[in-house]
Amino acid sequence: MNSPVIQPYLLFGGRCEEALAFYQSALGAEIVMKMRYNEAPEGPPPGMLADGFETKIMHSAFRVGDNLLMASDGCGGPDEAGFGGFSLSLTLPTQGEARKAFDALAEGGSVMMPLGETFWSPLFGMLTDKFGLGWMVTIPEEKAF
């Protein structure tokens, strides 16, 4: 590795399995790897995991297009999840693909800005999915149609 790499690592507070299935359905995500706490070569230190987390996901990686994201259930329980202060920006090549992804991600979530034309893009919208993760969906100007 010649330069630093920054990758999102998402903590779902016990809902990682559900989130992975959701992103597979909504975005065609490919699950690259998934390991549960009880599958790890070394178990977590005593008292580290919330009750019932032994079979939860310790680490996973999934691809959306060429992008690798990592995710886990965390180890602290539901209060550990929370995605305040940032959003993931999803750029798609066509209006049709952007609308499809936006609608799928919005299911069970909330739309802050419906898809529409802006001064920087022919199609842009913002939403929070059902896990509380913020998304900005857009298409680049040169690929409007």
C-alpha atoms as a PDB file:
ATOM      1  CA  MET A   1       0.000   0.000   0.000  1.00  0.00           C
ATOM      2  CA  ASN A   2       1.538   3.281  -1.106  1.00  0.00           C
ATOM      3  CA  SER A   3      -0.956   5.723   0.320  1.00  0.00           C
ATOM      4  CA  PRO A   4      -3.518   5.826   3.125  1.00  0.00           C
ATOM      5  CA  VAL A   5      -6.920   4.237   2.519  1.00  0.00           C
ATOM      6  CA  ILE A   6     -10.055   5.380   4.301  1.00  0.00           C
ATOM      7  CA  GLN A   7     -13.005   2.995   4.342  1.00  0.00           C
ATOM      8  CA  PRO A   8     -16.299   3.347   6.167  1.00  0.00           C
ATOM      9  CA  TYR A   9     -16.681   0.909   9.073  1.00  0.00           C
ATOM     10  CA  LEU A  10     -20.338   0.797  10.088  1.00  0.00           C
ATOM     11  CA  LEU A  11     -21.553  -0.412  13.508  1.00  0.00           C
ATOM     12  CA  PHE A  12     -25.147  -1.609  13.498  1.00  0.00           C
ATOM     13  CA  GLY A  13     -25.725  -2.270  17.218  1.00  0.00           C
ATOM     14  CA  GLY A  14     -26.969  -5.839  16.758  1.00  0.00           C
ATOM     15  CA  ARG A  15     -28.651  -5.377  13.348  1.00  0.00           C
ATOM     16  CA  CYS A  16     -25.716  -6.064  11.002  1.00  0.00           C
ATOM     17  CA  GLU A  17     -27.184  -9.268   9.499  1.00  0.00           C
ATOM     18  CA  GLU A  18     -30.393  -7.397   8.671  1.00  0.00           C
ATOM     19  CA  ALA A  19     -28.435  -4.445   7.262  1.00  0.00           C
ATOM     20  CA  LEU A  20     -26.322  -6.654   4.994  1.00  0.00           C
ATOM     21  CA  ALA A  21     -29.436  -8.334   3.590  1.00  0.00           C
ATOM     22  CA  PHE A  22     -31.044  -4.913   3.087  1.00  0.00           C
ATOM     23  CA  TYR A  23     -28.054  -3.515   1.152  1.00  0.00           C
ATOM     24  CA  GLN A  24     -27.883  -6.695  -0.946  1.00  0.00           C
ATOM     25  CA  SER A  25     -31.506  -6.152  -1.929  1.00  0.00           C
ATOM     26  CA  ALA A  26     -31.449  -2.350  -2.232  1.00  0.00           C
ATOM     27  CA  LEU A  27     -28.045  -1.874  -3.894  1.00  0.00           C
ATOM     28  CA  GLY A  28     -26.944  -5.291  -5.127  1.00  0.00           C
ATOM     29  CA  ALA A  29     -24.215  -5.391  -2.469  1.00  0.00           C
ATOM     30  CA  GLU A  30     -21.889  -8.383  -2.579  1.00  0.00           C
ATOM     31  CA  ILE A  31     -20.963  -9.837   0.818  1.00  0.00           C
ATOM     32  CA  VAL A  32     -17.215 -10.453   0.653  1.00  0.00           C
ATOM     33  CA  MET A  33     -16.698 -11.773   4.192  1.00  0.00           C
ATOM     34  CA  LYS A  34     -18.645 -12.334   7.369  1.00  0.00           C
ATOM     35  CA  MET A  35     -17.404 -13.681  10.718  1.00  0.00           C
ATOM     36  CA  ARG A  36     -19.402 -14.059  13.907  1.00  0.00           C
ATOM     37  CA  TYR A  37     -17.914 -13.650  17.371  1.00  0.00           C
ATOM     38  CA  ASN A  38     -18.286 -17.389  18.066  1.00  0.00           C
ATOM     39  CA  GLU A  39     -16.357 -18.195  14.847  1.00  0.00           C
ATOM     40  CA  ALA A  40     -13.269 -16.165  15.734  1.00  0.00           C
ATOM     41  CA  PRO A  41     -10.049 -18.100  16.455  1.00  0.00           C
ATOM     42  CA  GLU A  42      -9.803 -16.281  19.788  1.00  0.00           C
ATOM     43  CA  GLY A  43     -12.917 -15.367  21.705  1.00  0.00           C
ATOM     44  CA  PRO A  44     -13.515 -11.836  22.939  1.00  0.00           C
ATOM     45  CA  PRO A  45     -12.308 -10.965  26.431  1.00  0.00           C
ATOM     46  CA  PRO A  46     -14.794 -11.770  29.218  1.00  0.00           C
ATOM     47  CA  GLY A  47     -17.415  -9.055  29.639  1.00  0.00           C
ATOM     48  CA  MET A  48     -16.668  -7.405  26.282  1.00  0.00           C
ATOM     49  CA  LEU A  49     -19.885  -8.464  24.521  1.00  0.00           C
ATOM     50  CA  ALA A  50     -23.440  -7.483  25.319  1.00  0.00           C
ATOM     51  CA  ASP A  51     -25.618 -10.433  26.351  1.00  0.00           C
ATOM     52  CA  GLY A  52     -26.696 -12.485  23.334  1.00  0.00           C
ATOM     53  CA  PHE A  53     -23.994 -11.094  21.011  1.00  0.00           C
ATOM     54  CA  GLU A  54     -22.003 -14.359  20.801  1.00  0.00           C
ATOM     55  CA  THR A  55     -23.601 -15.203  17.425  1.00  0.00           C
ATOM     56  CA  LYS A  56     -23.652 -11.605  16.164  1.00  0.00           C
ATOM     57  CA  ILE A  57     -21.337 -10.385  13.396  1.00  0.00           C
ATOM     58  CA  MET A  58     -17.868  -9.467  14.630  1.00  0.00           C
ATOM     59  CA  HIS A  59     -16.640  -8.313  11.210  1.00  0.00           C
ATOM     60  CA  SER A  60     -17.956  -8.208   7.663  1.00  0.00           C
ATOM     61  CA  ALA A  61     -17.013  -6.618   4.387  1.00  0.00           C
ATOM     62  CA  PHE A  62     -19.279  -5.889   1.462  1.00  0.00           C
ATOM     63  CA  ARG A  63     -18.947  -4.282  -1.942  1.00  0.00           C
ATOM     64  CA  VAL A  64     -21.248  -1.819  -3.619  1.00  0.00           C
ATOM     65  CA  GLY A  65     -19.823  -1.446  -7.100  1.00  0.00           C
ATOM     66  CA  ASP A  66     -16.061  -0.951  -6.696  1.00  0.00           C
ATOM     67  CA  ASN A  67     -16.399   0.309  -3.112  1.00  0.00           C
ATOM     68  CA  LEU A  68     -15.581  -1.812  -0.095  1.00  0.00           C
ATOM     69  CA  LEU A  69     -17.390  -1.077   3.163  1.00  0.00           C
ATOM     70  CA  MET A  70     -16.900  -2.888   6.447  1.00  0.00           C
ATOM     71  CA  ALA A  71     -19.506  -3.524   9.119  1.00  0.00           C
ATOM     72  CA  SER A  72     -20.111  -5.160  12.470  1.00  0.00           C
ATOM     73  CA  ASP A  73     -22.759  -5.541  15.122  1.00  0.00           C
ATOM     74  CA  GLY A  74     -20.293  -3.887  17.471  1.00  0.00           C
ATOM     75  CA  CYS A  75     -20.096  -5.334  20.947  1.00  0.00           C
ATOM     76  CA  GLY A  76     -21.949  -2.838  23.082  1.00  0.00           C
ATOM     77  CA  GLY A  77     -25.564  -3.486  22.125  1.00  0.00           C
ATOM     78  CA  PRO A  78     -28.172  -1.335  20.374  1.00  0.00           C
ATOM     79  CA  ASP A  79     -26.966   1.950  21.891  1.00  0.00           C
ATOM     80  CA  GLU A  80     -23.682   1.607  19.997  1.00  0.00           C
ATOM     81  CA  ALA A  81     -25.331   2.206  16.597  1.00  0.00           C
ATOM     82  CA  GLY A  82     -25.741   5.730  15.378  1.00  0.00           C
ATOM     83  CA  PHE A  83     -24.666   7.474  12.245  1.00  0.00           C
ATOM     84  CA  GLY A  84     -24.922  11.156  13.148  1.00  0.00           C
ATOM     85  CA  GLY A  85     -22.626  13.653  11.513  1.00  0.00           C
ATOM     86  CA  PHE A  86     -22.049  12.033   8.114  1.00  0.00           C
ATOM     87  CA  SER A  87     -23.740  10.500   5.077  1.00  0.00           C
ATOM     88  CA  LEU A  88     -22.606   8.148   2.362  1.00  0.00           C
ATOM     89  CA  SER A  89     -22.708   9.662  -1.124  1.00  0.00           C
ATOM     90  CA  LEU A  90     -23.885   7.230  -3.804  1.00  0.00           C
ATOM     91  CA  THR A  91     -23.228   8.308  -7.400  1.00  0.00           C
ATOM     92  CA  LEU A  92     -24.952   6.260 -10.076  1.00  0.00           C
ATOM     93  CA  PRO A  93     -24.628   6.493 -13.860  1.00  0.00           C
ATOM     94  CA  THR A  94     -28.299   6.946 -14.847  1.00  0.00           C
ATOM     95  CA  GLN A  95     -31.500   8.494 -13.563  1.00  0.00           C
ATOM     96  CA  GLY A  96     -33.179   5.080 -13.612  1.00  0.00           C
ATOM     97  CA  GLU A  97     -30.510   3.497 -11.417  1.00  0.00           C
ATOM     98  CA  ALA A  98     -30.532   6.493  -9.065  1.00  0.00           C
ATOM     99  CA  ARG A  99     -34.317   6.372  -8.670  1.00  0.00           C
ATOM    100  CA  LYS A 100     -34.279   2.608  -8.059  1.00  0.00           C
ATOM    101  CA  ALA A 101     -31.553   2.853  -5.389  1.00  0.00           C
ATOM    102  CA  PHE A 102     -33.142   5.921  -3.751  1.00  0.00           C
ATOM    103  CA  ASP A 103     -36.558   4.253  -3.502  1.00  0.00           C
ATOM    104  CA  ALA A 104     -35.069   1.027  -2.129  1.00  0.00           C
ATOM    105  CA  LEU A 105     -32.948   2.829   0.476  1.00  0.00           C
ATOM    106  CA  ALA A 106     -35.870   5.040   1.517  1.00  0.00           C
ATOM    107  CA  GLU A 107     -38.075   2.039   2.327  1.00  0.00           C
ATOM    108  CA  GLY A 108     -38.573   2.130   6.085  1.00  0.00           C
ATOM    109  CA  GLY A 109     -36.466   5.287   6.373  1.00  0.00           C
ATOM    110  CA  SER A 110     -37.147   8.982   5.855  1.00  0.00           C
ATOM    111  CA  VAL A 111     -36.588  11.292   2.899  1.00  0.00           C
ATOM    112  CA  MET A 112     -35.055  14.658   3.724  1.00  0.00           C
ATOM    113  CA  MET A 113     -34.810  15.885   0.120  1.00  0.00           C
ATOM    114  CA  PRO A 114     -36.709  14.070  -2.642  1.00  0.00           C
ATOM    115  CA  LEU A 115     -34.866  13.304  -5.852  1.00  0.00           C
ATOM    116  CA  GLY A 116     -34.875  16.333  -8.103  1.00  0.00           C
ATOM    117  CA  GLU A 117     -32.800  18.656 -10.218  1.00  0.00           C
ATOM    118  CA  THR A 118     -30.241  20.882  -8.521  1.00  0.00           C
ATOM    119  CA  PHE A 119     -27.726  23.376  -9.854  1.00  0.00           C
ATOM    120  CA  TRP A 120     -24.985  20.707  -9.592  1.00  0.00           C
ATOM    121  CA  SER A 121     -26.858  17.618 -10.769  1.00  0.00           C
ATOM    122  CA  PRO A 122     -29.860  16.707 -12.890  1.00  0.00           C
ATOM    123  CA  LEU A 123     -30.900  14.327 -10.105  1.00  0.00           C
ATOM    124  CA  PHE A 124     -29.993  14.508  -6.404  1.00  0.00           C
ATOM    125  CA  GLY A 125     -31.760  13.497  -3.201  1.00  0.00           C
ATOM    126  CA  MET A 126     -31.074  12.843   0.476  1.00  0.00           C
ATOM    127  CA  LEU A 127     -32.512  10.250   2.839  1.00  0.00           C
ATOM    128  CA  THR A 128     -31.882   8.312   6.009  1.00  0.00           C
ATOM    129  CA  ASP A 129     -32.381   4.553   5.688  1.00  0.00           C
ATOM    130  CA  LYS A 130     -34.138   2.369   8.259  1.00  0.00           C
ATOM    131  CA  PHE A 131     -30.850   1.882  10.133  1.00  0.00           C
ATOM    132  CA  GLY A 132     -30.332   5.616  10.577  1.00  0.00           C
ATOM    133  CA  LEU A 133     -27.587   5.802   7.929  1.00  0.00           C
ATOM    134  CA  GLY A 134     -27.663   8.950   5.795  1.00  0.00           C
ATOM    135  CA  TRP A 135     -27.417   8.705   2.004  1.00  0.00           C
ATOM    136  CA  MET A 136     -26.997  11.317  -0.727  1.00  0.00           C
ATOM    137  CA  VAL A 137     -27.947   9.839  -4.103  1.00  0.00           C
ATOM    138  CA  THR A 138     -26.854  11.631  -7.260  1.00  0.00           C
ATOM    139  CA  ILE A 139     -25.910  11.298 -10.880  1.00  0.00           C
ATOM    140  CA  PRO A 140     -23.107  13.262 -12.460  1.00  0.00           C
ATOM    141  CA  GLU A 141     -24.101  16.062 -14.833  1.00  0.00           C
ATOM    142  CA  GLU A 142     -22.454  14.484 -17.879  1.00  0.00           C
ATOM    143  CA  LYS A 143     -24.420  11.238 -17.400  1.00  0.00           C
ATOM    144  CA  ALA A 144     -27.855  12.764 -17.054  1.00  0.00           C
ATOM    145  CA  PHE A 145     -29.591  10.624 -19.661  1.00  0.00           C
END
